[in-house]
Every structure is written in structure tokens, then in C-alpha cells.
Amino acid sequence: MNTQDLVNKALSGLDYVGYQLEALGVTDKVNRHTTLAFIMAEQNHLKGELDSLNARIDQHKARVERVRKQAGKLVNDGIVFAGSPIQHTLEFLKSRRQ
């Protein structure tokens, strides 16, 4: 049985259930059109939620990258600062030799 046959059987079953519910006076809202509309609306809702999630993930990635760069700059600045007395001393000694 191929996919199209399965889809047709499922839709026929859905139509039958909708017809029976309508005959009982329960609801006339169960049919293939309302069901497909609901599925499409939920699909779009899911796409929106995924887009929102991806935007939040990208925002956190950018924040982590910014903190990583700040930490690297802080380490480099610390190394330069820690080495500056030695650099000044070496320059002083070179100037005294000349």
C-alpha cells in the first residue's frame, strides 16, 4: 500500500467520524478541512517557536563570544601589566650602559 492510499483511507475515516458526530448532534467541526487547517496552523506555530528558540540560542552564543573576548583581553592586559616593571628595568639598564 502506498502513501497516497494510506492518506486517502485516513481522510475517509476522518470524514466518517465527522459525519457520525454530526449525526449525533455533537459537532460539525470534525472534517478533513478543519483538521488540515489545524495541522497547518500548528505547523506554522511550531516554525515560529523554532525561530524564537534559534534567536535565543544565537543571542547566547554572541554573549559567550563577547565574554570570551573580554577574558582574553583581560589576560593579555594582565600579562603586559605584570611584565612592565621588568621592561622598564631592562630599558633603564640599557640606557645606563650606553
PDB file of N, CA and C in Angstrom:
ATOM      1  N   MET A   1       0.852  -1.183   0.000  1.00  0.00           N
ATOM      2  CA  MET A   1       0.000   0.000   0.000  1.00  0.00           C
ATOM      3  C   MET A   1       0.890   1.237   0.000  1.00  0.00           C
ATOM      4  N   ASN A   2       0.637   2.153  -0.885  1.00  0.00           N
ATOM      5  CA  ASN A   2       1.479   3.338  -0.952  1.00  0.00           C
ATOM      6  C   ASN A   2       0.946   4.445  -0.040  1.00  0.00           C
ATOM      7  N   THR A   3       1.702   5.518   0.039  1.00  0.00           N
ATOM      8  CA  THR A   3       1.389   6.614   0.956  1.00  0.00           C
ATOM      9  C   THR A   3       0.063   7.274   0.608  1.00  0.00           C
ATOM     10  N   GLN A   4      -0.194   7.463  -0.678  1.00  0.00           N
ATOM     11  CA  GLN A   4      -1.437   8.134  -1.083  1.00  0.00           C
ATOM     12  C   GLN A   4      -2.657   7.320  -0.665  1.00  0.00           C
ATOM     13  N   ASP A   5      -2.588   5.984  -0.777  1.00  0.00           N
ATOM     14  CA  ASP A   5      -3.703   5.138  -0.345  1.00  0.00           C
ATOM     15  C   ASP A   5      -3.929   5.277   1.157  1.00  0.00           C
ATOM     16  N   LEU A   6      -2.834   5.311   1.923  1.00  0.00           N
ATOM     17  CA  LEU A   6      -2.966   5.466   3.377  1.00  0.00           C
ATOM     18  C   LEU A   6      -3.593   6.811   3.741  1.00  0.00           C
ATOM     19  N   VAL A   7      -3.155   7.869   3.056  1.00  0.00           N
ATOM     20  CA  VAL A   7      -3.713   9.198   3.318  1.00  0.00           C
ATOM     21  C   VAL A   7      -5.197   9.223   2.980  1.00  0.00           C
ATOM     22  N   ASN A   8      -5.578   8.640   1.844  1.00  0.00           N
ATOM     23  CA  ASN A   8      -6.989   8.615   1.446  1.00  0.00           C
ATOM     24  C   ASN A   8      -7.834   7.838   2.448  1.00  0.00           C
ATOM     25  N   LYS A   9      -7.336   6.708   2.932  1.00  0.00           N
ATOM     26  CA  LYS A   9      -8.075   5.925   3.928  1.00  0.00           C
ATOM     27  C   LYS A   9      -8.224   6.699   5.236  1.00  0.00           C
ATOM     28  N   ALA A  10      -7.132   7.388   5.644  1.00  0.00           N
ATOM     29  CA  ALA A  10      -7.195   8.168   6.879  1.00  0.00           C
ATOM     30  C   ALA A  10      -8.194   9.313   6.749  1.00  0.00           C
ATOM     31  N   LEU A  11      -8.192   9.986   5.609  1.00  0.00           N
ATOM     32  CA  LEU A  11      -9.134  11.090   5.406  1.00  0.00           C
ATOM     33  C   LEU A  11     -10.569  10.584   5.315  1.00  0.00           C
ATOM     34  N   SER A  12     -10.757   9.440   4.691  1.00  0.00           N
ATOM     35  CA  SER A  12     -12.102   8.857   4.633  1.00  0.00           C
ATOM     36  C   SER A  12     -12.581   8.489   6.029  1.00  0.00           C
ATOM     37  N   GLY A  13     -11.691   7.936   6.827  1.00  0.00           N
ATOM     38  CA  GLY A  13     -12.049   7.609   8.210  1.00  0.00           C
ATOM     39  C   GLY A  13     -12.385   8.854   9.006  1.00  0.00           C
ATOM     40  N   LEU A  14     -11.618   9.898   8.800  1.00  0.00           N
ATOM     41  CA  LEU A  14     -11.882  11.167   9.482  1.00  0.00           C
ATOM     42  C   LEU A  14     -13.236  11.726   9.055  1.00  0.00           C
ATOM     43  N   ASP A  15     -13.538  11.665   7.759  1.00  0.00           N
ATOM     44  CA  ASP A  15     -14.843  12.123   7.278  1.00  0.00           C
ATOM     45  C   ASP A  15     -15.977  11.302   7.901  1.00  0.00           C
ATOM     46  N   TYR A  16     -15.757  10.004   8.035  1.00  0.00           N
ATOM     47  CA  TYR A  16     -16.776   9.135   8.621  1.00  0.00           C
ATOM     48  C   TYR A  16     -17.029   9.502  10.086  1.00  0.00           C
ATOM     49  N   VAL A  17     -15.939   9.704  10.830  1.00  0.00           N
ATOM     50  CA  VAL A  17     -16.079  10.096  12.237  1.00  0.00           C
ATOM     51  C   VAL A  17     -16.811  11.431  12.335  1.00  0.00           C
ATOM     52  N   GLY A  18     -16.448  12.383  11.496  1.00  0.00           N
ATOM     53  CA  GLY A  18     -17.118  13.684  11.490  1.00  0.00           C
ATOM     54  C   GLY A  18     -18.592  13.555  11.165  1.00  0.00           C
ATOM     55  N   TYR A  19     -18.920  12.712  10.205  1.00  0.00           N
ATOM     56  CA  TYR A  19     -20.318  12.506   9.834  1.00  0.00           C
ATOM     57  C   TYR A  19     -21.098  11.904  10.996  1.00  0.00           C
ATOM     58  N   GLN A  20     -20.512  10.920  11.655  1.00  0.00           N
ATOM     59  CA  GLN A  20     -21.193  10.278  12.790  1.00  0.00           C
ATOM     60  C   GLN A  20     -21.398  11.268  13.937  1.00  0.00           C
ATOM     61  N   LEU A  21     -20.392  12.092  14.216  1.00  0.00           N
ATOM     62  CA  LEU A  21     -20.537  13.091  15.286  1.00  0.00           C
ATOM     63  C   LEU A  21     -21.613  14.112  14.926  1.00  0.00           C
ATOM     64  N   GLU A  22     -21.659  14.500  13.650  1.00  0.00           N
ATOM     65  CA  GLU A  22     -22.682  15.448  13.216  1.00  0.00           C
ATOM     66  C   GLU A  22     -24.068  14.831  13.310  1.00  0.00           C
ATOM     67  N   ALA A  23     -24.168  13.540  12.949  1.00  0.00           N
ATOM     68  CA  ALA A  23     -25.457  12.849  13.028  1.00  0.00           C
ATOM     69  C   ALA A  23     -25.942  12.751  14.473  1.00  0.00           C
ATOM     70  N   LEU A  24     -25.018  12.623  15.403  1.00  0.00           N
ATOM     71  CA  LEU A  24     -25.383  12.556  16.827  1.00  0.00           C
ATOM     72  C   LEU A  24     -25.633  13.947  17.416  1.00  0.00           C
ATOM     73  N   GLY A  25     -25.324  14.979  16.649  1.00  0.00           N
ATOM     74  CA  GLY A  25     -25.538  16.332  17.119  1.00  0.00           C
ATOM     75  C   GLY A  25     -24.441  16.840  18.032  1.00  0.00           C
ATOM     76  N   VAL A  26     -23.308  16.157  18.056  1.00  0.00           N
ATOM     77  CA  VAL A  26     -22.211  16.556  18.933  1.00  0.00           C
ATOM     78  C   VAL A  26     -21.489  17.765  18.359  1.00  0.00           C
ATOM     79  N   THR A  27     -21.016  17.658  17.126  1.00  0.00           N
ATOM     80  CA  THR A  27     -20.303  18.769  16.481  1.00  0.00           C
ATOM     81  C   THR A  27     -20.281  18.565  14.983  1.00  0.00           C
ATOM     82  N   ASP A  28     -20.156  19.653  14.290  1.00  0.00           N
ATOM     83  CA  ASP A  28     -19.982  19.561  12.832  1.00  0.00           C
ATOM     84  C   ASP A  28     -18.615  20.099  12.429  1.00  0.00           C
ATOM     85  N   LYS A  29     -17.711  20.170  13.391  1.00  0.00           N
ATOM     86  CA  LYS A  29     -16.385  20.759  13.151  1.00  0.00           C
ATOM     87  C   LYS A  29     -15.315  19.726  12.803  1.00  0.00           C
ATOM     88  N   VAL A  30     -15.651  18.445  12.827  1.00  0.00           N
ATOM     89  CA  VAL A  30     -14.657  17.417  12.533  1.00  0.00           C
ATOM     90  C   VAL A  30     -14.809  16.996  11.077  1.00  0.00           C
ATOM     91  N   ASN A  31     -13.863  17.458  10.259  1.00  0.00           N
ATOM     92  CA  ASN A  31     -13.795  17.029   8.867  1.00  0.00           C
ATOM     93  C   ASN A  31     -12.367  17.238   8.385  1.00  0.00           C
ATOM     94  N   ARG A  32     -12.106  16.826   7.168  1.00  0.00           N
ATOM     95  CA  ARG A  32     -10.726  16.904   6.672  1.00  0.00           C
ATOM     96  C   ARG A  32     -10.257  18.339   6.525  1.00  0.00           C
ATOM     97  N   HIS A  33     -11.151  19.259   6.234  1.00  0.00           N
ATOM     98  CA  HIS A  33     -10.750  20.649   6.032  1.00  0.00           C
ATOM     99  C   HIS A  33     -10.329  21.311   7.345  1.00  0.00           C
ATOM    100  N   THR A  34     -11.128  21.140   8.377  1.00  0.00           N
ATOM    101  CA  THR A  34     -10.773  21.754   9.661  1.00  0.00           C
ATOM    102  C   THR A  34      -9.545  21.090  10.262  1.00  0.00           C
ATOM    103  N   THR A  35      -9.434  19.783  10.062  1.00  0.00           N
ATOM    104  CA  THR A  35      -8.267  19.071  10.597  1.00  0.00           C
ATOM    105  C   THR A  35      -6.992  19.517   9.891  1.00  0.00           C
ATOM    106  N   LEU A  36      -7.023  19.631   8.577  1.00  0.00           N
ATOM    107  CA  LEU A  36      -5.840  20.075   7.838  1.00  0.00           C
ATOM    108  C   LEU A  36      -5.511  21.533   8.164  1.00  0.00           C
ATOM    109  N   ALA A  37      -6.534  22.355   8.338  1.00  0.00           N
ATOM    110  CA  ALA A  37      -6.289  23.746   8.720  1.00  0.00           C
ATOM    111  C   ALA A  37      -5.618  23.807  10.089  1.00  0.00           C
ATOM    112  N   PHE A  38      -6.084  22.979  11.014  1.00  0.00           N
ATOM    113  CA  PHE A  38      -5.480  22.927  12.348  1.00  0.00           C
ATOM    114  C   PHE A  38      -4.024  22.474  12.257  1.00  0.00           C
ATOM    115  N   ILE A  39      -3.774  21.450  11.472  1.00  0.00           N
ATOM    116  CA  ILE A  39      -2.406  20.938  11.325  1.00  0.00           C
ATOM    117  C   ILE A  39      -1.496  22.004  10.717  1.00  0.00           C
ATOM    118  N   MET A  40      -1.972  22.715   9.713  1.00  0.00           N
ATOM    119  CA  MET A  40      -1.155  23.754   9.085  1.00  0.00           C
ATOM    120  C   MET A  40      -0.896  24.915  10.051  1.00  0.00           C
ATOM    121  N   ALA A  41      -1.919  25.277  10.825  1.00  0.00           N
ATOM    122  CA  ALA A  41      -1.729  26.355  11.800  1.00  0.00           C
ATOM    123  C   ALA A  41      -0.706  25.942  12.854  1.00  0.00           C
ATOM    124  N   GLU A  42      -0.785  24.713  13.323  1.00  0.00           N
ATOM    125  CA  GLU A  42       0.170  24.234  14.322  1.00  0.00           C
ATOM    126  C   GLU A  42       1.573  24.115  13.734  1.00  0.00           C
ATOM    127  N   GLN A  43       1.659  23.765  12.463  1.00  0.00           N
ATOM    128  CA  GLN A  43       2.962  23.702  11.800  1.00  0.00           C
ATOM    129  C   GLN A  43       3.597  25.089  11.780  1.00  0.00           C
ATOM    130  N   ASN A  44       2.812  26.110  11.438  1.00  0.00           N
ATOM    131  CA  ASN A  44       3.334  27.477  11.433  1.00  0.00           C
ATOM    132  C   ASN A  44       3.686  27.940  12.837  1.00  0.00           C
ATOM    133  N   HIS A  45       2.888  27.538  13.813  1.00  0.00           N
ATOM    134  CA  HIS A  45       3.187  27.868  15.209  1.00  0.00           C
ATOM    135  C   HIS A  45       4.518  27.244  15.624  1.00  0.00           C
ATOM    136  N   LEU A  46       4.728  25.998  15.241  1.00  0.00           N
ATOM    137  CA  LEU A  46       5.976  25.308  15.562  1.00  0.00           C
ATOM    138  C   LEU A  46       7.164  25.985  14.883  1.00  0.00           C
ATOM    139  N   LYS A  47       7.007  26.410  13.640  1.00  0.00           N
ATOM    140  CA  LYS A  47       8.081  27.124  12.949  1.00  0.00           C
ATOM    141  C   LYS A  47       8.435  28.408  13.689  1.00  0.00           C
ATOM    142  N   GLY A  48       7.411  29.124  14.151  1.00  0.00           N
ATOM    143  CA  GLY A  48       7.651  30.352  14.906  1.00  0.00           C
ATOM    144  C   GLY A  48       8.383  30.087  16.204  1.00  0.00           C
ATOM    145  N   GLU A  49       7.996  29.030  16.907  1.00  0.00           N
ATOM    146  CA  GLU A  49       8.669  28.672  18.158  1.00  0.00           C
ATOM    147  C   GLU A  49      10.127  28.298  17.902  1.00  0.00           C
ATOM    148  N   LEU A  50      10.381  27.562  16.818  1.00  0.00           N
ATOM    149  CA  LEU A  50      11.758  27.185  16.479  1.00  0.00           C
ATOM    150  C   LEU A  50      12.590  28.410  16.117  1.00  0.00           C
ATOM    151  N   ASP A  51      11.994  29.351  15.384  1.00  0.00           N
ATOM    152  CA  ASP A  51      12.706  30.589  15.060  1.00  0.00           C
ATOM    153  C   ASP A  51      13.048  31.369  16.324  1.00  0.00           C
ATOM    154  N   SER A  52      12.108  31.415  17.248  1.00  0.00           N
ATOM    155  CA  SER A  52      12.339  32.111  18.521  1.00  0.00           C
ATOM    156  C   SER A  52      13.460  31.431  19.304  1.00  0.00           C
ATOM    157  N   LEU A  53      13.438  30.111  19.338  1.00  0.00           N
ATOM    158  CA  LEU A  53      14.472  29.365  20.035  1.00  0.00           C
ATOM    159  C   LEU A  53      15.840  29.586  19.393  1.00  0.00           C
ATOM    160  N   ASN A  54      15.890  29.571  18.066  1.00  0.00           N
ATOM    161  CA  ASN A  54      17.165  29.821  17.368  1.00  0.00           C
ATOM    162  C   ASN A  54      17.685  31.224  17.632  1.00  0.00           C
ATOM    163  N   ALA A  55      16.779  32.190  17.713  1.00  0.00           N
ATOM    164  CA  ALA A  55      17.205  33.567  18.004  1.00  0.00           C
ATOM    165  C   ALA A  55      17.794  33.652  19.409  1.00  0.00           C
ATOM    166  N   ARG A  56      17.170  32.967  20.375  1.00  0.00           N
ATOM    167  CA  ARG A  56      17.708  32.986  21.741  1.00  0.00           C
ATOM    168  C   ARG A  56      19.065  32.277  21.805  1.00  0.00           C
ATOM    169  N   ILE A  57      19.203  31.187  21.076  1.00  0.00           N
ATOM    170  CA  ILE A  57      20.484  30.468  21.046  1.00  0.00           C
ATOM    171  C   ILE A  57      21.572  31.358  20.450  1.00  0.00           C
ATOM    172  N   ASP A  58      21.258  32.042  19.344  1.00  0.00           N
ATOM    173  CA  ASP A  58      22.232  32.940  18.722  1.00  0.00           C
ATOM    174  C   ASP A  58      22.608  34.078  19.661  1.00  0.00           C
ATOM    175  N   GLN A  59      21.640  34.579  20.405  1.00  0.00           N
ATOM    176  CA  GLN A  59      21.909  35.652  21.358  1.00  0.00           C
ATOM    177  C   GLN A  59      22.866  35.163  22.450  1.00  0.00           C
ATOM    178  N   HIS A  60      22.647  33.951  22.948  1.00  0.00           N
ATOM    179  CA  HIS A  60      23.536  33.411  23.981  1.00  0.00           C
ATOM    180  C   HIS A  60      24.927  33.122  23.421  1.00  0.00           C
ATOM    181  N   LYS A  61      24.992  32.651  22.174  1.00  0.00           N
ATOM    182  CA  LYS A  61      26.294  32.420  21.546  1.00  0.00           C
ATOM    183  C   LYS A  61      27.074  33.728  21.449  1.00  0.00           C
ATOM    184  N   ALA A  62      26.400  34.789  21.040  1.00  0.00           N
ATOM    185  CA  ALA A  62      27.062  36.091  20.920  1.00  0.00           C
ATOM    186  C   ALA A  62      27.538  36.574  22.282  1.00  0.00           C
ATOM    187  N   ARG A  63      26.726  36.356  23.309  1.00  0.00           N
ATOM    188  CA  ARG A  63      27.106  36.783  24.662  1.00  0.00           C
ATOM    189  C   ARG A  63      28.333  36.004  25.137  1.00  0.00           C
ATOM    190  N   VAL A  64      28.359  34.701  24.905  1.00  0.00           N
ATOM    191  CA  VAL A  64      29.504  33.875  25.305  1.00  0.00           C
ATOM    192  C   VAL A  64      30.758  34.316  24.559  1.00  0.00           C
ATOM    193  N   GLU A  65      30.630  34.587  23.262  1.00  0.00           N
ATOM    194  CA  GLU A  65      31.779  35.027  22.471  1.00  0.00           C
ATOM    195  C   GLU A  65      32.307  36.368  22.978  1.00  0.00           C
ATOM    196  N   ARG A  66      31.398  37.276  23.332  1.00  0.00           N
ATOM    197  CA  ARG A  66      31.811  38.579  23.858  1.00  0.00           C
ATOM    198  C   ARG A  66      32.554  38.417  25.181  1.00  0.00           C
ATOM    199  N   VAL A  67      32.061  37.555  26.066  1.00  0.00           N
ATOM    200  CA  VAL A  67      32.728  37.317  27.348  1.00  0.00           C
ATOM    201  C   VAL A  67      34.082  36.664  27.128  1.00  0.00           C
ATOM    202  N   ARG A  68      34.161  35.730  26.145  1.00  0.00           N
ATOM    203  CA  ARG A  68      35.435  35.073  25.846  1.00  0.00           C
ATOM    204  C   ARG A  68      36.469  36.095  25.371  1.00  0.00           C
ATOM    205  N   LYS A  69      36.055  37.011  24.507  1.00  0.00           N
ATOM    206  CA  LYS A  69      36.976  38.047  24.015  1.00  0.00           C
ATOM    207  C   LYS A  69      37.413  38.971  25.153  1.00  0.00           C
ATOM    208  N   GLN A  70      36.470  39.329  26.031  1.00  0.00           N
ATOM    209  CA  GLN A  70      36.817  40.193  27.160  1.00  0.00           C
ATOM    210  C   GLN A  70      37.799  39.493  28.089  1.00  0.00           C
ATOM    211  N   ALA A  71      37.594  38.191  28.315  1.00  0.00           N
ATOM    212  CA  ALA A  71      38.507  37.442  29.182  1.00  0.00           C
ATOM    213  C   ALA A  71      39.894  37.362  28.554  1.00  0.00           C
ATOM    214  N   GLY A  72      39.961  37.119  27.249  1.00  0.00           N
ATOM    215  CA  GLY A  72      41.256  37.073  26.566  1.00  0.00           C
ATOM    216  C   GLY A  72      41.975  38.401  26.638  1.00  0.00           C
ATOM    217  N   LYS A  73      41.243  39.499  26.447  1.00  0.00           N
ATOM    218  CA  LYS A  73      41.848  40.830  26.537  1.00  0.00           C
ATOM    219  C   LYS A  73      42.340  41.093  27.959  1.00  0.00           C
ATOM    220  N   LEU A  74      41.556  40.676  28.944  1.00  0.00           N
ATOM    221  CA  LEU A  74      41.953  40.860  30.339  1.00  0.00           C
ATOM    222  C   LEU A  74      43.237  40.095  30.655  1.00  0.00           C
ATOM    223  N   VAL A  75      43.345  38.879  30.148  1.00  0.00           N
ATOM    224  CA  VAL A  75      44.562  38.088  30.366  1.00  0.00           C
ATOM    225  C   VAL A  75      45.757  38.750  29.686  1.00  0.00           C
ATOM    226  N   ASN A  76      45.575  39.176  28.453  1.00  0.00           N
ATOM    227  CA  ASN A  76      46.679  39.839  27.739  1.00  0.00           C
ATOM    228  C   ASN A  76      47.106  41.126  28.428  1.00  0.00           C
ATOM    229  N   ASP A  77      46.123  41.916  28.858  1.00  0.00           N
ATOM    230  CA  ASP A  77      46.440  43.150  29.579  1.00  0.00           C
ATOM    231  C   ASP A  77      47.169  42.849  30.887  1.00  0.00           C
ATOM    232  N   GLY A  78      46.767  41.771  31.554  1.00  0.00           N
ATOM    233  CA  GLY A  78      47.438  41.377  32.804  1.00  0.00           C
ATOM    234  C   GLY A  78      48.878  40.975  32.564  1.00  0.00           C
ATOM    235  N   ILE A  79      49.118  40.266  31.476  1.00  0.00           N
ATOM    236  CA  ILE A  79      50.486  39.856  31.152  1.00  0.00           C
ATOM    237  C   ILE A  79      51.345  41.075  30.844  1.00  0.00           C
ATOM    238  N   VAL A  80      50.798  42.002  30.070  1.00  0.00           N
ATOM    239  CA  VAL A  80      51.538  43.225  29.749  1.00  0.00           C
ATOM    240  C   VAL A  80      51.808  44.021  31.017  1.00  0.00           C
ATOM    241  N   PHE A  81      50.812  44.142  31.870  1.00  0.00           N
ATOM    242  CA  PHE A  81      50.962  44.900  33.106  1.00  0.00           C
ATOM    243  C   PHE A  81      51.999  44.248  34.026  1.00  0.00           C
ATOM    244  N   ALA A  82      51.941  42.912  34.135  1.00  0.00           N
ATOM    245  CA  ALA A  82      52.891  42.211  35.004  1.00  0.00           C
ATOM    246  C   ALA A  82      54.316  42.320  34.468  1.00  0.00           C
ATOM    247  N   GLY A  83      54.477  42.398  33.170  1.00  0.00           N
ATOM    248  CA  GLY A  83      55.811  42.470  32.581  1.00  0.00           C
ATOM    249  C   GLY A  83      56.352  43.876  32.454  1.00  0.00           C
ATOM    250  N   SER A  84      55.533  44.883  32.698  1.00  0.00           N
ATOM    251  CA  SER A  84      56.000  46.254  32.508  1.00  0.00           C
ATOM    252  C   SER A  84      57.117  46.665  33.457  1.00  0.00           C
ATOM    253  N   PRO A  85      57.135  46.269  34.734  1.00  0.00           N
ATOM    254  CA  PRO A  85      58.283  46.651  35.568  1.00  0.00           C
ATOM    255  C   PRO A  85      59.598  46.057  35.059  1.00  0.00           C
ATOM    256  N   ILE A  86      59.544  44.834  34.582  1.00  0.00           N
ATOM    257  CA  ILE A  86      60.756  44.200  34.051  1.00  0.00           C
ATOM    258  C   ILE A  86      61.209  44.951  32.797  1.00  0.00           C
ATOM    259  N   GLN A  87      60.278  45.291  31.935  1.00  0.00           N
ATOM    260  CA  GLN A  87      60.602  46.016  30.701  1.00  0.00           C
ATOM    261  C   GLN A  87      61.234  47.363  31.025  1.00  0.00           C
ATOM    262  N   HIS A  88      60.669  48.082  31.994  1.00  0.00           N
ATOM    263  CA  HIS A  88      61.223  49.392  32.372  1.00  0.00           C
ATOM    264  C   HIS A  88      62.618  49.235  32.981  1.00  0.00           C
ATOM    265  N   THR A  89      62.802  48.191  33.764  1.00  0.00           N
ATOM    266  CA  THR A  89      64.115  47.960  34.372  1.00  0.00           C
ATOM    267  C   THR A  89      65.155  47.658  33.296  1.00  0.00           C
ATOM    268  N   LEU A  90      64.806  46.812  32.330  1.00  0.00           N
ATOM    269  CA  LEU A  90      65.732  46.490  31.249  1.00  0.00           C
ATOM    270  C   LEU A  90      66.079  47.730  30.433  1.00  0.00           C
ATOM    271  N   GLU A  91      65.088  48.551  30.145  1.00  0.00           N
ATOM    272  CA  GLU A  91      65.348  49.787  29.408  1.00  0.00           C
ATOM    273  C   GLU A  91      66.258  50.727  30.203  1.00  0.00           C
ATOM    274  N   PHE A  92      66.035  50.792  31.505  1.00  0.00           N
ATOM    275  CA  PHE A  92      66.863  51.635  32.365  1.00  0.00           C
ATOM    276  C   PHE A  92      68.309  51.160  32.359  1.00  0.00           C
ATOM    277  N   LEU A  93      68.482  49.831  32.475  1.00  0.00           N
ATOM    278  CA  LEU A  93      69.834  49.274  32.482  1.00  0.00           C
ATOM    279  C   LEU A  93      70.544  49.474  31.138  1.00  0.00           C
ATOM    280  N   LYS A  94      69.816  49.350  30.029  1.00  0.00           N
ATOM    281  CA  LYS A  94      70.399  49.584  28.713  1.00  0.00           C
ATOM    282  C   LYS A  94      70.852  51.032  28.586  1.00  0.00           C
ATOM    283  N   SER A  95      70.040  51.955  29.079  1.00  0.00           N
ATOM    284  CA  SER A  95      70.406  53.374  28.968  1.00  0.00           C
ATOM    285  C   SER A  95      71.610  53.693  29.843  1.00  0.00           C
ATOM    286  N   ARG A  96      71.816  53.006  30.955  1.00  0.00           N
ATOM    287  CA  ARG A  96      72.957  53.245  31.852  1.00  0.00           C
ATOM    288  C   ARG A  96      74.250  52.705  31.248  1.00  0.00           C
ATOM    289  N   ARG A  97      74.162  51.624  30.461  1.00  0.00           N
ATOM    290  CA  ARG A  97      75.353  51.047  29.845  1.00  0.00           C
ATOM    291  C   ARG A  97      75.904  51.954  28.747  1.00  0.00           C
ATOM    292  N   GLN A  98      75.065  52.660  28.108  1.00  0.00           N
ATOM    293  CA  GLN A  98      75.489  53.492  26.971  1.00  0.00           C
ATOM    294  C   GLN A  98      76.033  54.748  27.524  1.00  0.00           C
TER     295      GLN A  98
END
